[in-house]
């Protein structure tokens, strides 16, 4: 049981790192796009495997994919490759997929909220960095709280926490999702470090 939990947590971490590597390769060009395309294949297979053989992972990852699709965030060739694998492989095993619709709906909604909110917070942050004075009067406590909340995409994290508290999900999935997010942030910070270093040179 402990070994299975560790494997799930490790798998989520690998997916978080892989997804952000692909994201940064296409968004800011710090990583090689060819490598990003190659990473998309094992990442897609790993996610598809989790979706097929782990019902909670199926709910989490399919909700993420649907939220990203609805908000039009799947916008790079590597993500098309990964998404195609993630969707096509489980289709072949659709008879054994188990989806609980209530938590699935909650996570889709929170995922959409995270993406829309993240766009809002990101625009505010960029605008404030460009013209600090113009945003000074429009940056009260609630706006600051909203920015922090959505820049870190807390809606889905809180939803998973609530589902764990009410015993819909095991604690393993909260730990796994937080590790997914941690590895995502590690790769993001590393990519910004490379970007700043290359500019300074």
N, C-alpha and C. Protein backbone atom coordinates (compact mmCIF):
# COMPACT_ATOMS: atom_id res chain seq x y z
N UNK A 1 0.83 -1.21 0.00
CA UNK A 1 0.00 0.00 0.00
C UNK A 1 0.87 1.27 0.00
N UNK A 2 1.91 1.28 0.88
CA UNK A 2 2.80 2.43 0.94
C UNK A 2 3.58 2.58 -0.37
N UNK A 3 4.00 1.45 -0.94
CA UNK A 3 4.72 1.49 -2.22
C UNK A 3 3.84 2.05 -3.32
N UNK A 4 2.58 1.64 -3.35
CA UNK A 4 1.64 2.14 -4.35
C UNK A 4 1.45 3.65 -4.19
N UNK A 5 1.33 4.10 -2.93
CA UNK A 5 1.15 5.53 -2.66
C UNK A 5 2.35 6.33 -3.14
N UNK A 6 3.56 5.82 -2.85
CA UNK A 6 4.77 6.51 -3.28
C UNK A 6 4.89 6.56 -4.79
N UNK A 7 4.49 5.50 -5.46
CA UNK A 7 4.52 5.46 -6.93
C UNK A 7 3.56 6.49 -7.53
N UNK A 8 2.38 6.60 -6.93
CA UNK A 8 1.40 7.58 -7.41
C UNK A 8 1.93 9.00 -7.21
N UNK A 9 2.48 9.26 -6.01
CA UNK A 9 3.03 10.59 -5.71
C UNK A 9 4.19 10.92 -6.66
N UNK A 10 5.09 9.97 -6.86
CA UNK A 10 6.22 10.17 -7.77
C UNK A 10 5.73 10.42 -9.20
N UNK A 11 4.74 9.67 -9.64
CA UNK A 11 4.19 9.83 -10.99
C UNK A 11 3.61 11.22 -11.18
N UNK A 12 2.89 11.72 -10.19
CA UNK A 12 2.33 13.07 -10.27
C UNK A 12 3.45 14.11 -10.36
N UNK A 13 4.52 13.90 -9.58
CA UNK A 13 5.65 14.83 -9.62
C UNK A 13 6.31 14.86 -10.99
N UNK A 14 6.51 13.68 -11.59
CA UNK A 14 7.09 13.60 -12.93
C UNK A 14 6.21 14.30 -13.95
N UNK A 15 4.91 14.15 -13.82
CA UNK A 15 3.99 14.80 -14.74
C UNK A 15 4.02 16.32 -14.56
N UNK A 16 4.08 16.78 -13.32
CA UNK A 16 4.15 18.23 -13.07
C UNK A 16 5.38 18.84 -13.70
N UNK A 17 6.53 18.18 -13.52
CA UNK A 17 7.79 18.67 -14.09
C UNK A 17 7.76 18.62 -15.61
N UNK A 18 7.25 17.51 -16.17
CA UNK A 18 7.19 17.36 -17.62
C UNK A 18 6.29 18.37 -18.29
N UNK A 19 5.12 18.59 -17.70
CA UNK A 19 4.15 19.54 -18.28
C UNK A 19 4.72 20.95 -18.27
N UNK A 20 5.39 21.34 -17.17
CA UNK A 20 5.95 22.69 -17.11
C UNK A 20 7.14 22.85 -18.05
N UNK A 21 7.92 21.78 -18.22
CA UNK A 21 9.03 21.83 -19.18
C UNK A 21 8.48 22.14 -20.57
N UNK A 22 7.44 21.42 -20.96
CA UNK A 22 6.82 21.63 -22.28
C UNK A 22 6.27 23.05 -22.38
N UNK A 23 5.59 23.47 -21.33
CA UNK A 23 4.98 24.81 -21.28
C UNK A 23 6.03 25.90 -21.50
N UNK A 24 7.13 25.81 -20.77
CA UNK A 24 8.16 26.84 -20.85
C UNK A 24 8.97 26.76 -22.15
N UNK A 25 9.06 25.58 -22.72
CA UNK A 25 9.74 25.45 -24.01
C UNK A 25 9.01 26.25 -25.08
N UNK A 26 7.69 26.22 -25.03
CA UNK A 26 6.89 26.92 -26.05
C UNK A 26 6.55 28.36 -25.65
N UNK A 27 6.37 28.61 -24.36
CA UNK A 27 5.95 29.95 -23.92
C UNK A 27 7.09 30.95 -23.91
N UNK A 28 8.24 30.56 -23.34
CA UNK A 28 9.35 31.53 -23.24
C UNK A 28 10.63 31.04 -23.92
N UNK A 29 10.59 29.84 -24.49
CA UNK A 29 11.69 29.36 -25.32
C UNK A 29 12.98 29.04 -24.60
N UNK A 30 12.90 28.70 -23.31
CA UNK A 30 14.14 28.42 -22.57
C UNK A 30 14.59 26.96 -22.72
N UNK A 31 13.68 26.08 -23.09
CA UNK A 31 14.01 24.68 -23.26
C UNK A 31 13.85 24.29 -24.74
N UNK A 32 14.47 23.19 -25.11
CA UNK A 32 14.42 22.72 -26.49
C UNK A 32 13.03 22.15 -26.83
N UNK A 33 12.43 22.61 -27.91
CA UNK A 33 11.10 22.17 -28.29
C UNK A 33 11.08 20.71 -28.74
N UNK A 34 12.19 20.28 -29.35
CA UNK A 34 12.28 18.88 -29.75
C UNK A 34 12.24 17.94 -28.55
N UNK A 35 12.98 18.32 -27.50
CA UNK A 35 12.96 17.53 -26.26
C UNK A 35 11.57 17.60 -25.62
N UNK A 36 10.96 18.78 -25.67
CA UNK A 36 9.60 18.93 -25.13
C UNK A 36 8.63 18.00 -25.82
N UNK A 37 8.73 17.88 -27.14
CA UNK A 37 7.87 16.97 -27.90
C UNK A 37 8.10 15.52 -27.50
N UNK A 38 9.37 15.17 -27.24
CA UNK A 38 9.69 13.80 -26.81
C UNK A 38 9.16 13.53 -25.40
N UNK A 39 9.26 14.54 -24.52
CA UNK A 39 8.76 14.39 -23.15
C UNK A 39 7.25 14.20 -23.15
N UNK A 40 6.58 14.80 -24.13
CA UNK A 40 5.12 14.70 -24.21
C UNK A 40 4.64 13.26 -24.37
N UNK A 41 5.45 12.42 -25.04
CA UNK A 41 5.02 11.04 -25.30
C UNK A 41 4.98 10.19 -24.02
N UNK A 42 6.12 10.08 -23.26
CA UNK A 42 6.02 9.31 -22.00
C UNK A 42 5.10 9.95 -20.98
N UNK A 43 5.01 11.29 -20.99
CA UNK A 43 4.09 11.96 -20.05
C UNK A 43 2.65 11.60 -20.37
N UNK A 44 2.32 11.61 -21.66
CA UNK A 44 0.96 11.24 -22.07
C UNK A 44 0.64 9.79 -21.75
N UNK A 45 1.62 8.91 -21.96
CA UNK A 45 1.42 7.49 -21.66
C UNK A 45 1.25 7.27 -20.16
N UNK A 46 2.09 7.95 -19.36
CA UNK A 46 2.00 7.83 -17.90
C UNK A 46 0.65 8.32 -17.39
N UNK A 47 0.21 9.48 -17.90
CA UNK A 47 -1.08 10.00 -17.46
C UNK A 47 -2.22 9.07 -17.90
N UNK A 48 -2.12 8.56 -19.12
CA UNK A 48 -3.15 7.63 -19.61
C UNK A 48 -3.19 6.37 -18.75
N UNK A 49 -2.02 5.87 -18.36
CA UNK A 49 -1.95 4.68 -17.50
C UNK A 49 -2.66 4.94 -16.17
N UNK A 50 -2.37 6.10 -15.57
CA UNK A 50 -3.01 6.44 -14.30
C UNK A 50 -4.53 6.56 -14.47
N UNK A 51 -4.95 7.15 -15.59
CA UNK A 51 -6.38 7.31 -15.85
C UNK A 51 -7.06 5.95 -15.99
N UNK A 52 -6.39 5.01 -16.67
CA UNK A 52 -6.99 3.70 -16.92
C UNK A 52 -7.09 2.87 -15.64
N UNK A 53 -6.00 2.87 -14.86
CA UNK A 53 -5.92 1.92 -13.75
C UNK A 53 -6.14 2.53 -12.36
N UNK A 54 -6.38 3.82 -12.29
CA UNK A 54 -6.61 4.46 -10.99
C UNK A 54 -7.79 5.42 -11.12
N UNK A 55 -8.89 5.10 -10.52
CA UNK A 55 -10.13 5.85 -10.75
C UNK A 55 -10.04 7.30 -10.25
N UNK A 56 -9.35 7.53 -9.14
CA UNK A 56 -9.22 8.90 -8.64
C UNK A 56 -8.34 9.74 -9.56
N UNK A 57 -7.25 9.15 -10.04
CA UNK A 57 -6.41 9.85 -11.01
C UNK A 57 -7.18 10.15 -12.29
N UNK A 58 -8.05 9.24 -12.68
CA UNK A 58 -8.88 9.47 -13.87
C UNK A 58 -9.73 10.72 -13.68
N UNK A 59 -10.34 10.86 -12.51
CA UNK A 59 -11.17 12.04 -12.22
C UNK A 59 -10.33 13.31 -12.26
N UNK A 60 -9.16 13.27 -11.61
CA UNK A 60 -8.31 14.47 -11.50
C UNK A 60 -7.78 14.89 -12.87
N UNK A 61 -7.18 13.95 -13.59
CA UNK A 61 -6.52 14.33 -14.85
C UNK A 61 -7.50 14.62 -15.98
N UNK A 62 -8.58 13.88 -16.04
CA UNK A 62 -9.58 14.19 -17.07
C UNK A 62 -10.23 15.54 -16.80
N UNK A 63 -10.41 15.87 -15.52
CA UNK A 63 -10.95 17.19 -15.16
C UNK A 63 -9.99 18.29 -15.59
N UNK A 64 -8.69 18.08 -15.36
CA UNK A 64 -7.69 19.07 -15.76
C UNK A 64 -7.70 19.25 -17.28
N UNK A 65 -7.72 18.14 -18.01
CA UNK A 65 -7.71 18.21 -19.48
C UNK A 65 -8.94 18.93 -20.00
N UNK A 66 -10.11 18.61 -19.44
CA UNK A 66 -11.34 19.28 -19.88
C UNK A 66 -11.31 20.77 -19.55
N UNK A 67 -10.82 21.11 -18.36
CA UNK A 67 -10.73 22.53 -17.97
C UNK A 67 -9.79 23.29 -18.91
N UNK A 68 -8.65 22.67 -19.24
CA UNK A 68 -7.70 23.31 -20.16
C UNK A 68 -8.28 23.43 -21.56
N UNK A 69 -9.02 22.43 -21.97
CA UNK A 69 -9.65 22.47 -23.31
C UNK A 69 -10.70 23.56 -23.38
N UNK A 70 -11.54 23.65 -22.37
CA UNK A 70 -12.62 24.64 -22.34
C UNK A 70 -12.05 26.05 -22.33
N UNK A 71 -10.95 26.25 -21.60
CA UNK A 71 -10.33 27.58 -21.52
C UNK A 71 -9.27 27.81 -22.61
N UNK A 72 -9.18 26.86 -23.55
CA UNK A 72 -8.30 26.96 -24.72
C UNK A 72 -6.83 27.14 -24.33
N UNK A 73 -6.38 26.35 -23.35
CA UNK A 73 -4.99 26.42 -22.90
C UNK A 73 -4.11 25.33 -23.51
N UNK A 74 -4.71 24.43 -24.28
CA UNK A 74 -3.91 23.41 -24.96
C UNK A 74 -3.54 24.01 -26.31
N UNK A 75 -2.34 24.60 -26.39
CA UNK A 75 -2.01 25.47 -27.52
C UNK A 75 -0.62 25.25 -28.09
N UNK A 76 -0.03 24.08 -27.86
CA UNK A 76 1.31 23.80 -28.39
C UNK A 76 1.35 22.38 -28.95
N UNK A 77 2.17 22.14 -29.99
CA UNK A 77 2.23 20.80 -30.59
C UNK A 77 2.49 19.68 -29.59
N UNK A 78 3.40 19.92 -28.63
CA UNK A 78 3.70 18.88 -27.63
C UNK A 78 2.48 18.56 -26.79
N UNK A 79 1.69 19.59 -26.46
CA UNK A 79 0.47 19.35 -25.70
C UNK A 79 -0.57 18.62 -26.53
N UNK A 80 -0.61 18.89 -27.85
CA UNK A 80 -1.52 18.15 -28.73
C UNK A 80 -1.16 16.66 -28.73
N UNK A 81 0.16 16.38 -28.77
CA UNK A 81 0.63 14.99 -28.76
C UNK A 81 0.23 14.31 -27.46
N UNK A 82 0.57 14.98 -26.35
CA UNK A 82 0.27 14.41 -25.03
C UNK A 82 -1.21 14.22 -24.80
N UNK A 83 -2.01 15.22 -25.17
CA UNK A 83 -3.46 15.16 -24.98
C UNK A 83 -4.07 14.05 -25.83
N UNK A 84 -3.58 13.91 -27.06
CA UNK A 84 -4.08 12.85 -27.94
C UNK A 84 -3.83 11.47 -27.33
N UNK A 85 -2.63 11.29 -26.75
CA UNK A 85 -2.32 10.02 -26.09
C UNK A 85 -3.18 9.79 -24.86
N UNK A 86 -3.31 10.86 -24.06
CA UNK A 86 -4.08 10.76 -22.82
C UNK A 86 -5.53 10.37 -23.11
N UNK A 87 -6.10 10.92 -24.17
CA UNK A 87 -7.51 10.68 -24.49
C UNK A 87 -7.69 9.37 -25.25
N UNK A 88 -6.82 9.09 -26.22
CA UNK A 88 -7.01 7.92 -27.08
C UNK A 88 -6.77 6.59 -26.37
N UNK A 89 -5.76 6.53 -25.51
CA UNK A 89 -5.47 5.27 -24.83
C UNK A 89 -6.61 4.85 -23.89
N UNK A 90 -7.12 5.77 -23.03
CA UNK A 90 -8.25 5.37 -22.18
C UNK A 90 -9.50 5.00 -22.96
N UNK A 91 -9.67 5.57 -24.17
CA UNK A 91 -10.84 5.22 -24.99
C UNK A 91 -10.84 3.72 -25.28
N UNK A 92 -9.64 3.16 -25.48
CA UNK A 92 -9.52 1.72 -25.76
C UNK A 92 -9.88 0.89 -24.53
N UNK A 93 -9.78 1.51 -23.35
CA UNK A 93 -10.08 0.80 -22.10
C UNK A 93 -11.30 1.38 -21.40
N UNK A 94 -12.19 1.95 -22.19
CA UNK A 94 -13.32 2.68 -21.60
C UNK A 94 -14.23 1.79 -20.75
N UNK A 95 -14.21 0.48 -21.02
CA UNK A 95 -15.08 -0.42 -20.26
C UNK A 95 -14.65 -0.57 -18.81
N UNK A 96 -13.37 -0.25 -18.51
CA UNK A 96 -12.92 -0.41 -17.11
C UNK A 96 -12.73 0.95 -16.41
N UNK A 97 -12.98 2.03 -17.14
CA UNK A 97 -12.87 3.35 -16.51
C UNK A 97 -14.01 3.56 -15.52
N UNK A 98 -13.68 4.14 -14.37
CA UNK A 98 -14.70 4.43 -13.36
C UNK A 98 -14.62 5.91 -13.00
N UNK A 99 -15.70 6.62 -13.27
CA UNK A 99 -15.75 8.05 -13.00
C UNK A 99 -16.89 8.35 -12.03
N UNK A 100 -16.56 9.00 -10.92
CA UNK A 100 -17.61 9.50 -10.00
C UNK A 100 -17.93 10.92 -10.44
N UNK A 101 -19.17 11.15 -10.84
CA UNK A 101 -19.51 12.38 -11.54
C UNK A 101 -19.53 13.61 -10.65
N UNK A 102 -19.87 13.47 -9.39
CA UNK A 102 -19.92 14.65 -8.50
C UNK A 102 -18.52 15.26 -8.31
N UNK A 103 -17.52 14.48 -7.86
CA UNK A 103 -16.17 15.07 -7.73
C UNK A 103 -15.59 15.49 -9.07
N UNK A 104 -15.95 14.77 -10.13
CA UNK A 104 -15.49 15.12 -11.48
C UNK A 104 -15.98 16.52 -11.85
N UNK A 105 -17.27 16.77 -11.61
CA UNK A 105 -17.84 18.08 -11.90
C UNK A 105 -17.22 19.19 -11.06
N UNK A 106 -16.98 18.90 -9.78
CA UNK A 106 -16.36 19.88 -8.88
C UNK A 106 -14.97 20.26 -9.38
N UNK A 107 -14.19 19.27 -9.80
CA UNK A 107 -12.82 19.53 -10.24
C UNK A 107 -12.78 20.22 -11.60
N UNK A 108 -13.72 19.91 -12.47
CA UNK A 108 -13.78 20.63 -13.75
C UNK A 108 -14.06 22.11 -13.49
N UNK A 109 -15.04 22.37 -12.63
CA UNK A 109 -15.39 23.75 -12.31
C UNK A 109 -14.22 24.49 -11.68
N UNK A 110 -13.56 23.85 -10.71
CA UNK A 110 -12.44 24.51 -10.04
C UNK A 110 -11.26 24.69 -10.98
N UNK A 111 -11.07 23.76 -11.92
CA UNK A 111 -10.01 23.89 -12.91
C UNK A 111 -10.24 25.06 -13.85
N UNK A 112 -11.48 25.21 -14.30
CA UNK A 112 -11.84 26.35 -15.15
C UNK A 112 -11.65 27.66 -14.39
N UNK A 113 -12.09 27.67 -13.13
CA UNK A 113 -11.94 28.85 -12.28
C UNK A 113 -10.46 29.22 -12.12
N UNK A 114 -9.62 28.21 -11.91
CA UNK A 114 -8.17 28.44 -11.79
C UNK A 114 -7.59 29.08 -13.05
N UNK A 115 -7.97 28.56 -14.21
CA UNK A 115 -7.40 29.06 -15.47
C UNK A 115 -7.86 30.49 -15.77
N UNK A 116 -9.14 30.75 -15.58
CA UNK A 116 -9.66 32.10 -15.82
C UNK A 116 -9.07 33.08 -14.81
N UNK A 117 -9.04 32.66 -13.55
CA UNK A 117 -8.48 33.50 -12.48
C UNK A 117 -7.00 33.74 -12.67
N UNK A 118 -6.27 32.73 -13.13
CA UNK A 118 -4.83 32.87 -13.36
C UNK A 118 -4.54 33.90 -14.45
N UNK A 119 -5.36 33.89 -15.51
CA UNK A 119 -5.21 34.89 -16.58
C UNK A 119 -5.44 36.30 -16.03
N UNK A 120 -6.47 36.43 -15.20
CA UNK A 120 -6.80 37.74 -14.60
C UNK A 120 -5.65 38.22 -13.71
N UNK A 121 -5.16 37.33 -12.85
CA UNK A 121 -4.09 37.70 -11.92
C UNK A 121 -2.79 38.00 -12.66
N UNK A 122 -2.51 37.22 -13.69
CA UNK A 122 -1.29 37.43 -14.47
C UNK A 122 -1.30 38.78 -15.19
N UNK A 123 -2.45 39.15 -15.74
CA UNK A 123 -2.57 40.45 -16.41
C UNK A 123 -2.39 41.60 -15.42
N UNK A 124 -2.97 41.45 -14.23
CA UNK A 124 -2.82 42.49 -13.21
C UNK A 124 -1.37 42.63 -12.78
N UNK A 125 -0.70 41.50 -12.61
CA UNK A 125 0.70 41.51 -12.18
C UNK A 125 1.58 42.19 -13.23
N UNK A 126 1.38 41.84 -14.49
CA UNK A 126 2.18 42.43 -15.57
C UNK A 126 1.91 43.93 -15.69
N UNK A 127 0.64 44.31 -15.55
CA UNK A 127 0.29 45.73 -15.64
C UNK A 127 0.91 46.52 -14.50
N UNK A 128 0.93 45.92 -13.30
CA UNK A 128 1.49 46.60 -12.15
C UNK A 128 3.01 46.75 -12.28
N UNK A 129 3.65 45.76 -12.87
CA UNK A 129 5.10 45.83 -13.07
C UNK A 129 5.47 46.91 -14.09
N UNK A 130 4.60 47.08 -15.10
CA UNK A 130 4.84 48.10 -16.13
C UNK A 130 4.55 49.49 -15.60
N UNK A 131 3.42 49.62 -14.90
CA UNK A 131 3.01 50.94 -14.40
C UNK A 131 2.46 50.80 -12.99
N UNK A 132 3.34 50.82 -12.04
CA UNK A 132 2.97 50.60 -10.64
C UNK A 132 1.96 51.62 -10.13
N UNK A 133 2.13 52.87 -10.49
CA UNK A 133 1.27 53.94 -9.96
C UNK A 133 -0.18 53.77 -10.39
N UNK A 134 -0.41 53.36 -11.63
CA UNK A 134 -1.79 53.24 -12.13
C UNK A 134 -2.56 52.13 -11.44
N UNK A 135 -1.85 51.15 -10.86
CA UNK A 135 -2.51 50.02 -10.20
C UNK A 135 -2.59 50.20 -8.69
N UNK A 136 -1.96 51.28 -8.17
CA UNK A 136 -1.86 51.45 -6.72
C UNK A 136 -3.22 51.54 -6.05
N UNK A 137 -4.13 52.30 -6.64
CA UNK A 137 -5.46 52.48 -6.05
C UNK A 137 -6.39 51.32 -6.31
N UNK A 138 -5.95 50.39 -7.17
CA UNK A 138 -6.80 49.25 -7.52
C UNK A 138 -6.20 47.95 -7.03
N UNK A 139 -5.46 48.05 -5.93
CA UNK A 139 -4.78 46.86 -5.41
C UNK A 139 -5.01 46.71 -3.91
N UNK A 140 -6.30 46.72 -3.53
CA UNK A 140 -6.66 46.55 -2.13
C UNK A 140 -6.45 45.13 -1.66
N UNK A 141 -6.85 44.87 -0.42
CA UNK A 141 -6.62 43.56 0.20
C UNK A 141 -7.25 42.42 -0.59
N UNK A 142 -8.50 42.59 -1.03
CA UNK A 142 -9.18 41.52 -1.76
C UNK A 142 -8.53 41.24 -3.10
N UNK A 143 -8.10 42.31 -3.79
CA UNK A 143 -7.40 42.12 -5.06
C UNK A 143 -6.08 41.40 -4.86
N UNK A 144 -5.34 41.78 -3.81
CA UNK A 144 -4.07 41.11 -3.51
C UNK A 144 -4.30 39.63 -3.19
N UNK A 145 -5.33 39.38 -2.37
CA UNK A 145 -5.66 38.00 -2.00
C UNK A 145 -6.05 37.19 -3.23
N UNK A 146 -6.87 37.80 -4.09
CA UNK A 146 -7.29 37.14 -5.33
C UNK A 146 -6.11 36.81 -6.23
N UNK A 147 -5.18 37.75 -6.32
CA UNK A 147 -3.99 37.53 -7.15
C UNK A 147 -3.19 36.34 -6.62
N UNK A 148 -2.92 36.33 -5.32
CA UNK A 148 -2.15 35.23 -4.72
C UNK A 148 -2.87 33.90 -4.94
N UNK A 149 -4.18 33.92 -4.74
CA UNK A 149 -4.99 32.70 -4.85
C UNK A 149 -4.91 32.13 -6.26
N UNK A 150 -5.11 32.99 -7.26
CA UNK A 150 -5.18 32.49 -8.63
C UNK A 150 -3.82 32.33 -9.29
N UNK A 151 -2.82 33.12 -8.89
CA UNK A 151 -1.48 32.92 -9.44
C UNK A 151 -0.96 31.53 -9.05
N UNK A 152 -1.39 31.06 -7.89
CA UNK A 152 -0.99 29.73 -7.42
C UNK A 152 -2.04 28.65 -7.68
N UNK A 153 -3.09 29.00 -8.42
CA UNK A 153 -4.16 28.05 -8.81
C UNK A 153 -4.65 27.24 -7.60
N UNK A 154 -5.16 27.93 -6.61
CA UNK A 154 -5.58 27.28 -5.37
C UNK A 154 -6.97 26.66 -5.43
N UNK A 155 -7.78 26.99 -6.44
CA UNK A 155 -9.15 26.49 -6.46
C UNK A 155 -9.19 24.97 -6.51
N UNK A 156 -8.39 24.36 -7.40
CA UNK A 156 -8.40 22.90 -7.50
C UNK A 156 -7.75 22.26 -6.28
N UNK A 157 -6.71 22.89 -5.74
CA UNK A 157 -6.08 22.35 -4.52
C UNK A 157 -7.08 22.30 -3.38
N UNK A 158 -7.83 23.38 -3.20
CA UNK A 158 -8.84 23.42 -2.14
C UNK A 158 -9.95 22.40 -2.38
N UNK A 159 -10.33 22.24 -3.65
CA UNK A 159 -11.37 21.26 -3.98
C UNK A 159 -10.91 19.85 -3.62
N UNK A 160 -9.66 19.53 -3.96
CA UNK A 160 -9.13 18.20 -3.62
C UNK A 160 -9.03 18.03 -2.10
N UNK A 161 -8.62 19.10 -1.40
CA UNK A 161 -8.56 19.06 0.07
C UNK A 161 -9.95 18.76 0.65
N UNK A 162 -10.97 19.44 0.14
CA UNK A 162 -12.34 19.21 0.63
C UNK A 162 -12.77 17.77 0.35
N UNK A 163 -12.45 17.26 -0.84
CA UNK A 163 -12.81 15.88 -1.18
C UNK A 163 -12.09 14.88 -0.30
N UNK A 164 -10.86 15.21 0.12
CA UNK A 164 -10.11 14.35 1.04
C UNK A 164 -10.74 14.41 2.43
N UNK A 165 -11.07 15.61 2.89
CA UNK A 165 -11.68 15.80 4.22
C UNK A 165 -12.98 15.00 4.34
N UNK A 166 -13.76 14.98 3.25
CA UNK A 166 -15.04 14.26 3.26
C UNK A 166 -14.89 12.80 2.79
N UNK A 167 -13.64 12.33 2.76
CA UNK A 167 -13.33 10.93 2.46
C UNK A 167 -13.78 10.46 1.07
N UNK A 168 -13.92 11.40 0.15
CA UNK A 168 -14.22 11.03 -1.24
C UNK A 168 -12.93 10.54 -1.89
N UNK A 169 -11.83 11.24 -1.62
CA UNK A 169 -10.49 10.86 -2.08
C UNK A 169 -9.63 10.48 -0.89
N UNK A 170 -8.64 9.63 -1.12
CA UNK A 170 -7.64 9.31 -0.11
C UNK A 170 -6.67 10.47 0.03
N UNK A 171 -6.04 10.58 1.19
CA UNK A 171 -5.02 11.62 1.44
C UNK A 171 -3.88 11.54 0.44
N UNK A 172 -3.67 10.35 -0.12
CA UNK A 172 -2.58 10.15 -1.08
C UNK A 172 -2.69 11.14 -2.24
N UNK A 173 -3.91 11.43 -2.65
CA UNK A 173 -4.10 12.26 -3.85
C UNK A 173 -3.88 13.74 -3.56
N UNK A 174 -4.09 14.15 -2.32
CA UNK A 174 -3.73 15.51 -1.95
C UNK A 174 -2.21 15.66 -1.96
N UNK A 175 -1.53 14.67 -1.36
CA UNK A 175 -0.06 14.69 -1.35
C UNK A 175 0.48 14.65 -2.78
N UNK A 176 -0.12 13.80 -3.62
CA UNK A 176 0.34 13.65 -5.00
C UNK A 176 0.12 14.94 -5.79
N UNK A 177 -1.05 15.55 -5.60
CA UNK A 177 -1.36 16.77 -6.34
C UNK A 177 -0.46 17.93 -5.90
N UNK A 178 -0.17 17.99 -4.60
CA UNK A 178 0.75 19.02 -4.10
C UNK A 178 2.16 18.79 -4.62
N UNK A 179 2.56 17.53 -4.76
CA UNK A 179 3.89 17.23 -5.31
C UNK A 179 3.93 17.55 -6.80
N UNK A 180 2.83 17.30 -7.51
CA UNK A 180 2.68 17.72 -8.91
C UNK A 180 2.91 19.22 -9.02
N UNK A 181 2.26 19.97 -8.15
CA UNK A 181 2.37 21.42 -8.16
C UNK A 181 3.77 21.88 -7.78
N UNK A 182 4.38 21.20 -6.79
CA UNK A 182 5.73 21.54 -6.35
C UNK A 182 6.73 21.38 -7.49
N UNK A 183 6.68 20.26 -8.21
CA UNK A 183 7.61 20.01 -9.31
C UNK A 183 7.35 20.96 -10.48
N UNK A 184 6.11 21.30 -10.68
CA UNK A 184 5.71 22.28 -11.70
C UNK A 184 6.39 23.63 -11.41
N UNK A 185 6.33 24.04 -10.13
CA UNK A 185 6.93 25.31 -9.72
C UNK A 185 8.45 25.26 -9.79
N UNK A 186 9.05 24.13 -9.39
CA UNK A 186 10.52 23.98 -9.46
C UNK A 186 11.02 24.19 -10.88
N UNK A 187 10.36 23.55 -11.85
CA UNK A 187 10.78 23.70 -13.25
C UNK A 187 10.52 25.13 -13.73
N UNK A 188 9.40 25.71 -13.29
CA UNK A 188 9.10 27.10 -13.67
C UNK A 188 10.18 28.05 -13.16
N UNK A 189 10.55 27.92 -11.88
CA UNK A 189 11.58 28.79 -11.29
C UNK A 189 12.92 28.59 -11.99
N UNK A 190 13.25 27.34 -12.29
CA UNK A 190 14.50 27.04 -12.98
C UNK A 190 14.51 27.68 -14.37
N UNK A 191 13.39 27.62 -15.06
CA UNK A 191 13.31 28.20 -16.41
C UNK A 191 13.48 29.72 -16.37
N UNK A 192 12.90 30.36 -15.35
CA UNK A 192 13.07 31.81 -15.21
C UNK A 192 14.52 32.16 -14.89
N UNK A 193 15.17 31.31 -14.09
CA UNK A 193 16.59 31.51 -13.76
C UNK A 193 17.42 31.47 -15.04
N UNK A 194 17.15 30.50 -15.90
CA UNK A 194 17.88 30.37 -17.17
C UNK A 194 17.61 31.58 -18.05
N UNK A 195 16.35 32.03 -18.09
CA UNK A 195 15.98 33.18 -18.93
C UNK A 195 16.72 34.43 -18.47
N UNK A 196 16.73 34.68 -17.17
CA UNK A 196 17.41 35.87 -16.63
C UNK A 196 18.90 35.79 -16.89
N UNK A 197 19.46 34.58 -16.71
CA UNK A 197 20.90 34.39 -16.93
C UNK A 197 21.27 34.66 -18.38
N UNK A 198 20.45 34.15 -19.32
CA UNK A 198 20.75 34.33 -20.75
C UNK A 198 20.64 35.80 -21.15
N UNK A 199 19.68 36.53 -20.54
CA UNK A 199 19.52 37.96 -20.83
C UNK A 199 20.72 38.75 -20.29
N UNK A 200 21.15 38.39 -19.07
CA UNK A 200 22.25 39.10 -18.43
C UNK A 200 23.57 38.93 -19.19
N UNK A 201 23.68 37.83 -19.91
CA UNK A 201 24.89 37.58 -20.70
C UNK A 201 24.88 38.42 -21.98
